[in-house]
Amino acid sequence: PDNRNVLQDEPVKLAGFTHAAFVVTDMDDLIAMFEKNAINITGG
């Protein structure tokens, strides 16, 4: 429901991988691409 992430969004924190982290060359370009494509930045 509501695309809830069972490892992140539930009150009981289950063990497991919570996210993948990638290195980018230009954060400002990435942010601009997200804004252009209506991809919501949820943190930072």
PDB file of all heavy atoms in Angstrom:
ATOM      1  N   PRO A   1       0.838  -1.208   0.000  1.00  0.00           N
ATOM      2  CA  PRO A   1       0.000   0.000   0.000  1.00  0.00           C
ATOM      3  C   PRO A   1       0.870   1.253   0.000  1.00  0.00           C
ATOM      4  O   PRO A   1       1.851   1.338   0.748  1.00  0.00           O
ATOM      5  CB  PRO A   1      -0.791  -0.117   1.302  1.00  0.00           C
ATOM      6  CG  PRO A   1      -0.698  -1.555   1.698  1.00  0.00           C
ATOM      7  CD  PRO A   1       0.591  -2.080   1.126  1.00  0.00           C
ATOM      8  N   ASP A   2       0.543   2.210  -0.853  1.00  0.00           N
ATOM      9  CA  ASP A   2       1.259   3.481  -0.940  1.00  0.00           C
ATOM     10  C   ASP A   2       2.747   3.298  -1.214  1.00  0.00           C
ATOM     11  O   ASP A   2       3.557   4.155  -0.853  1.00  0.00           O
ATOM     12  CB  ASP A   2       1.066   4.316   0.335  1.00  0.00           C
ATOM     13  CG  ASP A   2      -0.383   4.641   0.603  1.00  0.00           C
ATOM     14  OD1 ASP A   2      -1.114   4.921  -0.370  1.00  0.00           O
ATOM     15  OD2 ASP A   2      -0.796   4.587   1.772  1.00  0.00           O
ATOM     16  N   ASN A   3       3.130   2.159  -1.827  1.00  0.00           N
ATOM     17  CA  ASN A   3       4.539   1.852  -2.113  1.00  0.00           C
ATOM     18  C   ASN A   3       5.413   1.953  -0.878  1.00  0.00           C
ATOM     19  O   ASN A   3       6.563   2.369  -0.940  1.00  0.00           O
ATOM     20  CB  ASN A   3       5.073   2.740  -3.239  1.00  0.00           C
ATOM     21  CG  ASN A   3       4.420   2.419  -4.553  1.00  0.00           C
ATOM     22  OD1 ASN A   3       4.072   1.271  -4.817  1.00  0.00           O
ATOM     23  ND2 ASN A   3       4.230   3.414  -5.375  1.00  0.00           N
ATOM     24  N   ARG A   4       4.848   1.539   0.257  1.00  0.00           N
ATOM     25  CA  ARG A   4       5.613   1.574   1.505  1.00  0.00           C
ATOM     26  C   ARG A   4       6.779   0.599   1.422  1.00  0.00           C
ATOM     27  O   ARG A   4       6.648  -0.508   0.930  1.00  0.00           O
ATOM     28  CB  ARG A   4       4.722   1.243   2.701  1.00  0.00           C
ATOM     29  CG  ARG A   4       3.713   2.367   2.957  1.00  0.00           C
ATOM     30  CD  ARG A   4       2.889   2.112   4.181  1.00  0.00           C
ATOM     31  NE  ARG A   4       3.654   2.026   5.399  1.00  0.00           N
ATOM     32  CZ  ARG A   4       4.089   3.055   6.118  1.00  0.00           C
ATOM     33  NH1 ARG A   4       3.838   4.283   5.711  1.00  0.00           N
ATOM     34  NH2 ARG A   4       4.756   2.874   7.225  1.00  0.00           N
ATOM     35  N   ASN A   5       7.913   1.036   1.912  1.00  0.00           N
ATOM     36  CA  ASN A   5       9.117   0.223   1.946  1.00  0.00           C
ATOM     37  C   ASN A   5       9.140  -0.477   3.306  1.00  0.00           C
ATOM     38  O   ASN A   5       9.222   0.170   4.347  1.00  0.00           O
ATOM     39  CB  ASN A   5      10.338   1.133   1.773  1.00  0.00           C
ATOM     40  CG  ASN A   5      11.641   0.385   1.765  1.00  0.00           C
ATOM     41  OD1 ASN A   5      11.897  -0.446   2.626  1.00  0.00           O
ATOM     42  ND2 ASN A   5      12.477   0.703   0.801  1.00  0.00           N
ATOM     43  N   VAL A   6       9.056  -1.817   3.291  1.00  0.00           N
ATOM     44  CA  VAL A   6       8.923  -2.561   4.548  1.00  0.00           C
ATOM     45  C   VAL A   6      10.158  -2.440   5.431  1.00  0.00           C
ATOM     46  O   VAL A   6      10.083  -2.682   6.634  1.00  0.00           O
ATOM     47  CB  VAL A   6       8.576  -4.049   4.311  1.00  0.00           C
ATOM     48  CG1 VAL A   6       7.217  -4.178   3.638  1.00  0.00           C
ATOM     49  CG2 VAL A   6       9.650  -4.755   3.517  1.00  0.00           C
ATOM     50  N   LEU A   7      11.301  -2.057   4.875  1.00  0.00           N
ATOM     51  CA  LEU A   7      12.499  -1.885   5.684  1.00  0.00           C
ATOM     52  C   LEU A   7      12.675  -0.450   6.177  1.00  0.00           C
ATOM     53  O   LEU A   7      13.418  -0.213   7.122  1.00  0.00           O
ATOM     54  CB  LEU A   7      13.745  -2.299   4.899  1.00  0.00           C
ATOM     55  CG  LEU A   7      13.818  -3.784   4.550  1.00  0.00           C
ATOM     56  CD1 LEU A   7      15.044  -4.055   3.703  1.00  0.00           C
ATOM     57  CD2 LEU A   7      13.821  -4.642   5.801  1.00  0.00           C
ATOM     58  N   GLN A   8      12.015   0.506   5.556  1.00  0.00           N
ATOM     59  CA  GLN A   8      12.214   1.911   5.906  1.00  0.00           C
ATOM     60  C   GLN A   8      10.991   2.549   6.548  1.00  0.00           C
ATOM     61  O   GLN A   8      11.131   3.400   7.410  1.00  0.00           O
ATOM     62  CB  GLN A   8      12.570   2.726   4.649  1.00  0.00           C
ATOM     63  CG  GLN A   8      13.874   2.344   4.008  1.00  0.00           C
ATOM     64  CD  GLN A   8      15.063   2.931   4.728  1.00  0.00           C
ATOM     65  OE1 GLN A   8      15.300   2.622   5.883  1.00  0.00           O
ATOM     66  NE2 GLN A   8      15.812   3.767   4.049  1.00  0.00           N
ATOM     67  N   ASP A   9       9.795   2.192   6.100  1.00  0.00           N
ATOM     68  CA  ASP A   9       8.604   2.950   6.444  1.00  0.00           C
ATOM     69  C   ASP A   9       7.760   2.350   7.571  1.00  0.00           C
ATOM     70  O   ASP A   9       6.779   2.960   7.977  1.00  0.00           O
ATOM     71  CB  ASP A   9       7.719   3.114   5.200  1.00  0.00           C
ATOM     72  CG  ASP A   9       8.449   3.830   4.081  1.00  0.00           C
ATOM     73  OD1 ASP A   9       9.310   4.675   4.375  1.00  0.00           O
ATOM     74  OD2 ASP A   9       8.155   3.547   2.904  1.00  0.00           O
ATOM     75  N   GLU A  10       8.093   1.191   8.035  1.00  0.00           N
ATOM     76  CA  GLU A  10       7.307   0.545   9.087  1.00  0.00           C
ATOM     77  C   GLU A  10       7.913   0.850  10.454  1.00  0.00           C
ATOM     78  O   GLU A  10       9.129   1.056  10.570  1.00  0.00           O
ATOM     79  CB  GLU A  10       7.256  -0.965   8.861  1.00  0.00           C
ATOM     80  CG  GLU A  10       6.659  -1.372   7.521  1.00  0.00           C
ATOM     81  CD  GLU A  10       5.235  -0.868   7.320  1.00  0.00           C
ATOM     82  OE1 GLU A  10       4.474  -0.768   8.305  1.00  0.00           O
ATOM     83  OE2 GLU A  10       4.890  -0.564   6.171  1.00  0.00           O
ATOM     84  N   PRO A  11       7.070   0.886  11.505  1.00  0.00           N
ATOM     85  CA  PRO A  11       7.592   1.225  12.843  1.00  0.00           C
ATOM     86  C   PRO A  11       8.579   0.190  13.389  1.00  0.00           C
ATOM     87  O   PRO A  11       9.523   0.542  14.085  1.00  0.00           O
ATOM     88  CB  PRO A  11       6.352   1.326  13.718  1.00  0.00           C
ATOM     89  CG  PRO A  11       5.239   0.725  12.940  1.00  0.00           C
ATOM     90  CD  PRO A  11       5.629   0.729  11.498  1.00  0.00           C
ATOM     91  N   VAL A  12       8.386  -1.091  13.069  1.00  0.00           N
ATOM     92  CA  VAL A  12       9.332  -2.127  13.482  1.00  0.00           C
ATOM     93  C   VAL A  12      10.404  -2.204  12.406  1.00  0.00           C
ATOM     94  O   VAL A  12      10.107  -2.437  11.233  1.00  0.00           O
ATOM     95  CB  VAL A  12       8.629  -3.486  13.655  1.00  0.00           C
ATOM     96  CG1 VAL A  12       9.654  -4.577  13.961  1.00  0.00           C
ATOM     97  CG2 VAL A  12       7.575  -3.409  14.742  1.00  0.00           C
ATOM     98  N   LYS A  13      11.637  -1.981  12.777  1.00  0.00           N
ATOM     99  CA  LYS A  13      12.744  -1.946  11.821  1.00  0.00           C
ATOM    100  C   LYS A  13      13.337  -3.345  11.665  1.00  0.00           C
ATOM    101  O   LYS A  13      14.066  -3.833  12.525  1.00  0.00           O
ATOM    102  CB  LYS A  13      13.824  -0.947  12.267  1.00  0.00           C
ATOM    103  CG  LYS A  13      13.298   0.480  12.377  1.00  0.00           C
ATOM    104  CD  LYS A  13      12.714   0.956  11.062  1.00  0.00           C
ATOM    105  CE  LYS A  13      12.232   2.381  11.159  1.00  0.00           C
ATOM    106  NZ  LYS A  13      11.328   2.750  10.087  1.00  0.00           N
ATOM    107  N   LEU A  14      12.984  -3.994  10.553  1.00  0.00           N
ATOM    108  CA  LEU A  14      13.487  -5.326  10.250  1.00  0.00           C
ATOM    109  C   LEU A  14      14.919  -5.234   9.737  1.00  0.00           C
ATOM    110  O   LEU A  14      15.306  -4.229   9.134  1.00  0.00           O
ATOM    111  CB  LEU A  14      12.608  -5.983   9.187  1.00  0.00           C
ATOM    112  CG  LEU A  14      11.130  -6.137   9.536  1.00  0.00           C
ATOM    113  CD1 LEU A  14      10.362  -6.645   8.330  1.00  0.00           C
ATOM    114  CD2 LEU A  14      10.955  -7.053  10.729  1.00  0.00           C
ATOM    115  N   ALA A  15      15.684  -6.292   9.940  1.00  0.00           N
ATOM    116  CA  ALA A  15      17.033  -6.347   9.392  1.00  0.00           C
ATOM    117  C   ALA A  15      16.961  -6.497   7.878  1.00  0.00           C
ATOM    118  O   ALA A  15      16.032  -7.106   7.345  1.00  0.00           O
ATOM    119  CB  ALA A  15      17.793  -7.536   9.993  1.00  0.00           C
ATOM    120  N   GLY A  16      17.918  -5.925   7.176  1.00  0.00           N
ATOM    121  CA  GLY A  16      17.974  -6.045   5.729  1.00  0.00           C
ATOM    122  C   GLY A  16      18.660  -4.848   5.111  1.00  0.00           C
ATOM    123  O   GLY A  16      18.988  -3.881   5.799  1.00  0.00           O
ATOM    124  N   PHE A  17      18.871  -4.893   3.816  1.00  0.00           N
ATOM    125  CA  PHE A  17      19.493  -3.783   3.101  1.00  0.00           C
ATOM    126  C   PHE A  17      18.461  -2.681   2.928  1.00  0.00           C
ATOM    127  O   PHE A  17      17.371  -2.927   2.424  1.00  0.00           O
ATOM    128  CB  PHE A  17      20.006  -4.240   1.734  1.00  0.00           C
ATOM    129  CG  PHE A  17      21.143  -5.203   1.827  1.00  0.00           C
ATOM    130  CD1 PHE A  17      20.928  -6.563   1.760  1.00  0.00           C
ATOM    131  CD2 PHE A  17      22.437  -4.738   1.999  1.00  0.00           C
ATOM    132  CE1 PHE A  17      21.980  -7.455   1.860  1.00  0.00           C
ATOM    133  CE2 PHE A  17      23.500  -5.622   2.095  1.00  0.00           C
ATOM    134  CZ  PHE A  17      23.276  -6.988   2.026  1.00  0.00           C
ATOM    135  N   THR A  18      18.807  -1.466   3.306  1.00  0.00           N
ATOM    136  CA  THR A  18      17.841  -0.373   3.267  1.00  0.00           C
ATOM    137  C   THR A  18      17.954   0.509   2.032  1.00  0.00           C
ATOM    138  O   THR A  18      16.995   1.191   1.684  1.00  0.00           O
ATOM    139  CB  THR A  18      17.976   0.521   4.511  1.00  0.00           C
ATOM    140  OG1 THR A  18      19.299   1.066   4.547  1.00  0.00           O
ATOM    141  CG2 THR A  18      17.683  -0.270   5.775  1.00  0.00           C
ATOM    142  N   HIS A  19      19.112   0.513   1.365  1.00  0.00           N
ATOM    143  CA  HIS A  19      19.259   1.352   0.183  1.00  0.00           C
ATOM    144  C   HIS A  19      20.549   0.999  -0.554  1.00  0.00           C
ATOM    145  O   HIS A  19      21.417   0.343  -0.008  1.00  0.00           O
ATOM    146  CB  HIS A  19      19.267   2.843   0.556  1.00  0.00           C
ATOM    147  CG  HIS A  19      20.424   3.262   1.392  1.00  0.00           C
ATOM    148  ND1 HIS A  19      20.508   3.020   2.743  1.00  0.00           N
ATOM    149  CD2 HIS A  19      21.566   3.917   1.068  1.00  0.00           C
ATOM    150  CE1 HIS A  19      21.649   3.495   3.220  1.00  0.00           C
ATOM    151  NE2 HIS A  19      22.315   4.044   2.210  1.00  0.00           N
ATOM    152  N   ALA A  20      20.613   1.461  -1.790  1.00  0.00           N
ATOM    153  CA  ALA A  20      21.837   1.372  -2.576  1.00  0.00           C
ATOM    154  C   ALA A  20      22.379   2.781  -2.723  1.00  0.00           C
ATOM    155  O   ALA A  20      21.612   3.738  -2.862  1.00  0.00           O
ATOM    156  CB  ALA A  20      21.545   0.777  -3.952  1.00  0.00           C
ATOM    157  N   ALA A  21      23.694   2.929  -2.672  1.00  0.00           N
ATOM    158  CA  ALA A  21      24.332   4.245  -2.772  1.00  0.00           C
ATOM    159  C   ALA A  21      25.277   4.249  -3.969  1.00  0.00           C
ATOM    160  O   ALA A  21      26.105   3.353  -4.110  1.00  0.00           O
ATOM    161  CB  ALA A  21      25.099   4.569  -1.489  1.00  0.00           C
ATOM    162  N   PHE A  22      25.133   5.278  -4.808  1.00  0.00           N
ATOM    163  CA  PHE A  22      25.915   5.398  -6.032  1.00  0.00           C
ATOM    164  C   PHE A  22      26.692   6.705  -6.011  1.00  0.00           C
ATOM    165  O   PHE A  22      26.241   7.696  -5.451  1.00  0.00           O
ATOM    166  CB  PHE A  22      24.993   5.374  -7.256  1.00  0.00           C
ATOM    167  CG  PHE A  22      24.154   4.126  -7.337  1.00  0.00           C
ATOM    168  CD1 PHE A  22      22.845   4.123  -6.890  1.00  0.00           C
ATOM    169  CD2 PHE A  22      24.686   2.955  -7.847  1.00  0.00           C
ATOM    170  CE1 PHE A  22      22.076   2.974  -6.953  1.00  0.00           C
ATOM    171  CE2 PHE A  22      23.923   1.801  -7.916  1.00  0.00           C
ATOM    172  CZ  PHE A  22      22.612   1.811  -7.468  1.00  0.00           C
ATOM    173  N   VAL A  23      27.853   6.716  -6.640  1.00  0.00           N
ATOM    174  CA  VAL A  23      28.681   7.915  -6.769  1.00  0.00           C
ATOM    175  C   VAL A  23      28.343   8.573  -8.100  1.00  0.00           C
ATOM    176  O   VAL A  23      28.254   7.888  -9.128  1.00  0.00           O
ATOM    177  CB  VAL A  23      30.183   7.567  -6.698  1.00  0.00           C
ATOM    178  CG1 VAL A  23      31.046   8.794  -6.962  1.00  0.00           C
ATOM    179  CG2 VAL A  23      30.516   6.944  -5.346  1.00  0.00           C
ATOM    180  N   VAL A  24      28.159   9.892  -8.075  1.00  0.00           N
ATOM    181  CA  VAL A  24      27.883  10.659  -9.295  1.00  0.00           C
ATOM    182  C   VAL A  24      28.962  11.719  -9.474  1.00  0.00           C
ATOM    183  O   VAL A  24      29.617  12.132  -8.516  1.00  0.00           O
ATOM    184  CB  VAL A  24      26.488  11.320  -9.264  1.00  0.00           C
ATOM    185  CG1 VAL A  24      25.402  10.269  -9.157  1.00  0.00           C
ATOM    186  CG2 VAL A  24      26.373  12.329  -8.150  1.00  0.00           C
ATOM    187  N   THR A  25      29.122  12.172 -10.711  1.00  0.00           N
ATOM    188  CA  THR A  25      30.158  13.162 -11.007  1.00  0.00           C
ATOM    189  C   THR A  25      29.691  14.587 -10.774  1.00  0.00           C
ATOM    190  O   THR A  25      30.515  15.456 -10.474  1.00  0.00           O
ATOM    191  CB  THR A  25      30.624  13.040 -12.469  1.00  0.00           C
ATOM    192  OG1 THR A  25      29.483  13.150 -13.315  1.00  0.00           O
ATOM    193  CG2 THR A  25      31.325  11.712 -12.697  1.00  0.00           C
ATOM    194  N   ASP A  26      28.388  14.856 -10.920  1.00  0.00           N
ATOM    195  CA  ASP A  26      27.895  16.231 -10.794  1.00  0.00           C
ATOM    196  C   ASP A  26      26.500  16.219 -10.178  1.00  0.00           C
ATOM    197  O   ASP A  26      25.514  15.940 -10.868  1.00  0.00           O
ATOM    198  CB  ASP A  26      27.870  16.919 -12.162  1.00  0.00           C
ATOM    199  CG  ASP A  26      27.609  18.403 -12.059  1.00  0.00           C
ATOM    200  OD1 ASP A  26      26.663  18.807 -11.345  1.00  0.00           O
ATOM    201  OD2 ASP A  26      28.348  19.172 -12.697  1.00  0.00           O
ATOM    202  N   MET A  27      26.418  16.511  -8.895  1.00  0.00           N
ATOM    203  CA  MET A  27      25.154  16.473  -8.172  1.00  0.00           C
ATOM    204  C   MET A  27      24.167  17.494  -8.726  1.00  0.00           C
ATOM    205  O   MET A  27      22.974  17.211  -8.836  1.00  0.00           O
ATOM    206  CB  MET A  27      25.394  16.724  -6.687  1.00  0.00           C
ATOM    207  CG  MET A  27      24.132  16.596  -5.850  1.00  0.00           C
ATOM    208  SD  MET A  27      23.513  14.900  -5.745  1.00  0.00           S
ATOM    209  CE  MET A  27      24.733  14.176  -4.660  1.00  0.00           C
ATOM    210  N   ASP A  28      24.634  18.693  -9.087  1.00  0.00           N
ATOM    211  CA  ASP A  28      23.724  19.716  -9.594  1.00  0.00           C
ATOM    212  C   ASP A  28      23.061  19.270 -10.898  1.00  0.00           C
ATOM    213  O   ASP A  28      21.863  19.501 -11.095  1.00  0.00           O
ATOM    214  CB  ASP A  28      24.450  21.048  -9.770  1.00  0.00           C
ATOM    215  CG  ASP A  28      24.869  21.650  -8.437  1.00  0.00           C
ATOM    216  OD1 ASP A  28      24.146  21.452  -7.436  1.00  0.00           O
ATOM    217  OD2 ASP A  28      25.919  22.311  -8.393  1.00  0.00           O
ATOM    218  N   ASP A  29      23.815  18.620 -11.780  1.00  0.00           N
ATOM    219  CA  ASP A  29      23.225  18.097 -13.016  1.00  0.00           C
ATOM    220  C   ASP A  29      22.197  17.010 -12.706  1.00  0.00           C
ATOM    221  O   ASP A  29      21.140  16.937 -13.348  1.00  0.00           O
ATOM    222  CB  ASP A  29      24.301  17.536 -13.942  1.00  0.00           C
ATOM    223  CG  ASP A  29      25.050  18.606 -14.705  1.00  0.00           C
ATOM    224  OD1 ASP A  29      24.645  19.790 -14.651  1.00  0.00           O
ATOM    225  OD2 ASP A  29      26.047  18.263 -15.358  1.00  0.00           O
ATOM    226  N   LEU A  30      22.496  16.155 -11.748  1.00  0.00           N
ATOM    227  CA  LEU A  30      21.562  15.095 -11.362  1.00  0.00           C
ATOM    228  C   LEU A  30      20.282  15.697 -10.795  1.00  0.00           C
ATOM    229  O   LEU A  30      19.174  15.288 -11.165  1.00  0.00           O
ATOM    230  CB  LEU A  30      22.209  14.155 -10.350  1.00  0.00           C
ATOM    231  CG  LEU A  30      21.330  12.998  -9.886  1.00  0.00           C
ATOM    232  CD1 LEU A  30      21.004  12.049 -11.036  1.00  0.00           C
ATOM    233  CD2 LEU A  30      22.011  12.254  -8.740  1.00  0.00           C
ATOM    234  N   ILE A  31      20.420  16.672  -9.906  1.00  0.00           N
ATOM    235  CA  ILE A  31      19.245  17.324  -9.330  1.00  0.00           C
ATOM    236  C   ILE A  31      18.410  17.972 -10.424  1.00  0.00           C
ATOM    237  O   ILE A  31      17.169  17.857 -10.426  1.00  0.00           O
ATOM    238  CB  ILE A  31      19.673  18.344  -8.252  1.00  0.00           C
ATOM    239  CG1 ILE A  31      20.235  17.602  -7.032  1.00  0.00           C
ATOM    240  CG2 ILE A  31      18.507  19.247  -7.859  1.00  0.00           C
ATOM    241  CD1 ILE A  31      20.916  18.507  -6.021  1.00  0.00           C
ATOM    242  N   ALA A  32      19.038  18.627 -11.376  1.00  0.00           N
ATOM    243  CA  ALA A  32      18.309  19.256 -12.486  1.00  0.00           C
ATOM    244  C   ALA A  32      17.560  18.201 -13.298  1.00  0.00           C
ATOM    245  O   ALA A  32      16.413  18.423 -13.712  1.00  0.00           O
ATOM    246  CB  ALA A  32      19.273  20.042 -13.366  1.00  0.00           C
ATOM    247  N   MET A  33      18.186  17.049 -13.539  1.00  0.00           N
ATOM    248  CA  MET A  33      17.523  15.973 -14.275  1.00  0.00           C
ATOM    249  C   MET A  33      16.316  15.462 -13.503  1.00  0.00           C
ATOM    250  O   MET A  33      15.248  15.222 -14.066  1.00  0.00           O
ATOM    251  CB  MET A  33      18.506  14.839 -14.561  1.00  0.00           C
ATOM    252  CG  MET A  33      17.953  13.753 -15.500  1.00  0.00           C
ATOM    253  SD  MET A  33      16.893  12.504 -14.744  1.00  0.00           S
ATOM    254  CE  MET A  33      18.043  11.624 -13.725  1.00  0.00           C
ATOM    255  N   PHE A  34      16.465  15.302 -12.176  1.00  0.00           N
ATOM    256  CA  PHE A  34      15.330  14.859 -11.359  1.00  0.00           C
ATOM    257  C   PHE A  34      14.188  15.854 -11.449  1.00  0.00           C
ATOM    258  O   PHE A  34      13.029  15.477 -11.605  1.00  0.00           O
ATOM    259  CB  PHE A  34      15.742  14.672  -9.903  1.00  0.00           C
ATOM    260  CG  PHE A  34      16.604  13.462  -9.649  1.00  0.00           C
ATOM    261  CD1 PHE A  34      17.373  13.389  -8.492  1.00  0.00           C
ATOM    262  CD2 PHE A  34      16.658  12.395 -10.528  1.00  0.00           C
ATOM    263  CE1 PHE A  34      18.164  12.288  -8.231  1.00  0.00           C
ATOM    264  CE2 PHE A  34      17.452  11.285 -10.284  1.00  0.00           C
ATOM    265  CZ  PHE A  34      18.201  11.228  -9.124  1.00  0.00           C
ATOM    266  N   GLU A  35      14.493  17.145 -11.343  1.00  0.00           N
ATOM    267  CA  GLU A  35      13.453  18.176 -11.425  1.00  0.00           C
ATOM    268  C   GLU A  35      12.772  18.151 -12.788  1.00  0.00           C
ATOM    269  O   GLU A  35      11.548  18.226 -12.883  1.00  0.00           O
ATOM    270  CB  GLU A  35      14.050  19.548 -11.121  1.00  0.00           C
ATOM    271  CG  GLU A  35      14.442  19.709  -9.670  1.00  0.00           C
ATOM    272  CD  GLU A  35      15.224  20.980  -9.376  1.00  0.00           C
ATOM    273  OE1 GLU A  35      15.598  21.713 -10.319  1.00  0.00           O
ATOM    274  OE2 GLU A  35      15.481  21.232  -8.178  1.00  0.00           O
ATOM    275  N   LYS A  36      13.540  18.025 -13.851  1.00  0.00           N
ATOM    276  CA  LYS A  36      12.991  17.991 -15.218  1.00  0.00           C
ATOM    277  C   LYS A  36      12.064  16.798 -15.411  1.00  0.00           C
ATOM    278  O   LYS A  36      11.052  16.892 -16.109  1.00  0.00           O
ATOM    279  CB  LYS A  36      14.142  17.939 -16.227  1.00  0.00           C
ATOM    280  CG  LYS A  36      13.690  17.849 -17.663  1.00  0.00           C
ATOM    281  CD  LYS A  36      14.877  17.783 -18.610  1.00  0.00           C
ATOM    282  CE  LYS A  36      14.387  17.552 -20.024  1.00  0.00           C
ATOM    283  NZ  LYS A  36      15.466  17.201 -20.921  1.00  0.00           N
ATOM    284  N   ASN A  37      12.396  15.660 -14.787  1.00  0.00           N
ATOM    285  CA  ASN A  37      11.624  14.429 -14.956  1.00  0.00           C
ATOM    286  C   ASN A  37      10.652  14.160 -13.818  1.00  0.00           C
ATOM    287  O   ASN A  37      10.117  13.055 -13.706  1.00  0.00           O
ATOM    288  CB  ASN A  37      12.577  13.243 -15.127  1.00  0.00           C
ATOM    289  CG  ASN A  37      13.321  13.316 -16.438  1.00  0.00           C
ATOM    290  OD1 ASN A  37      12.719  13.248 -17.503  1.00  0.00           O
ATOM    291  ND2 ASN A  37      14.626  13.494 -16.369  1.00  0.00           N
ATOM    292  N   ALA A  38      10.424  15.168 -12.963  1.00  0.00           N
ATOM    293  CA  ALA A  38       9.468  15.055 -11.846  1.00  0.00           C
ATOM    294  C   ALA A  38       9.777  13.872 -10.932  1.00  0.00           C
ATOM    295  O   ALA A  38       8.878  13.179 -10.469  1.00  0.00           O
ATOM    296  CB  ALA A  38       8.038  15.001 -12.375  1.00  0.00           C
ATOM    297  N   ILE A  39      11.075  13.636 -10.691  1.00  0.00           N
ATOM    298  CA  ILE A  39      11.499  12.623  -9.724  1.00  0.00           C
ATOM    299  C   ILE A  39      11.731  13.346  -8.411  1.00  0.00           C
ATOM    300  O   ILE A  39      12.567  14.245  -8.319  1.00  0.00           O
ATOM    301  CB  ILE A  39      12.770  11.888 -10.199  1.00  0.00           C
ATOM    302  CG1 ILE A  39      12.474  11.113 -11.491  1.00  0.00           C
ATOM    303  CG2 ILE A  39      13.287  10.952  -9.108  1.00  0.00           C
ATOM    304  CD1 ILE A  39      13.697  10.504 -12.144  1.00  0.00           C
ATOM    305  N   ASN A  40      10.968  12.961  -7.390  1.00  0.00           N
ATOM    306  CA  ASN A  40      10.997  13.640  -6.099  1.00  0.00           C
ATOM    307  C   ASN A  40      12.259  13.297  -5.314  1.00  0.00           C
ATOM    308  O   ASN A  40      12.575  12.121  -5.119  1.00  0.00           O
ATOM    309  CB  ASN A  40       9.750  13.241  -5.299  1.00  0.00           C
ATOM    310  CG  ASN A  40       9.610  14.022  -4.023  1.00  0.00           C
ATOM    311  OD1 ASN A  40       9.868  15.223  -3.993  1.00  0.00           O
ATOM    312  ND2 ASN A  40       9.196  13.350  -2.973  1.00  0.00           N
ATOM    313  N   ILE A  41      12.973  14.316  -4.871  1.00  0.00           N
ATOM    314  CA  ILE A  41      14.111  14.121  -3.966  1.00  0.00           C
ATOM    315  C   ILE A  41      13.542  14.011  -2.563  1.00  0.00           C
ATOM    316  O   ILE A  41      12.876  14.927  -2.082  1.00  0.00           O
ATOM    317  CB  ILE A  41      15.119  15.278  -4.086  1.00  0.00           C
ATOM    318  CG1 ILE A  41      15.724  15.290  -5.493  1.00  0.00           C
ATOM    319  CG2 ILE A  41      16.207  15.160  -3.016  1.00  0.00           C
ATOM    320  CD1 ILE A  41      16.593  16.492  -5.784  1.00  0.00           C
ATOM    321  N   THR A  42      13.768  12.877  -1.906  1.00  0.00           N
ATOM    322  CA  THR A  42      13.171  12.624  -0.598  1.00  0.00           C
ATOM    323  C   THR A  42      14.092  12.991   0.557  1.00  0.00           C
ATOM    324  O   THR A  42      13.653  13.006   1.703  1.00  0.00           O
ATOM    325  CB  THR A  42      12.755  11.147  -0.468  1.00  0.00           C
ATOM    326  OG1 THR A  42      13.907  10.316  -0.659  1.00  0.00           O
ATOM    327  CG2 THR A  42      11.692  10.792  -1.508  1.00  0.00           C
ATOM    328  N   GLY A  43      15.349  13.286   0.279  1.00  0.00           N
ATOM    329  CA  GLY A  43      16.294  13.702   1.307  1.00  0.00           C
ATOM    330  C   GLY A  43      17.468  14.417   0.683  1.00  0.00           C
ATOM    331  O   GLY A  43      17.929  14.049  -0.390  1.00  0.00           O
ATOM    332  N   GLY A  44      17.903  15.493   1.354  1.00  0.00           N
ATOM    333  CA  GLY A  44      19.069  16.221   0.881  1.00  0.00           C
ATOM    334  C   GLY A  44      18.705  17.347  -0.057  1.00  0.00           C
ATOM    335  O   GLY A  44      17.533  17.640  -0.244  1.00  0.00           O
TER     336      GLY A  44
END
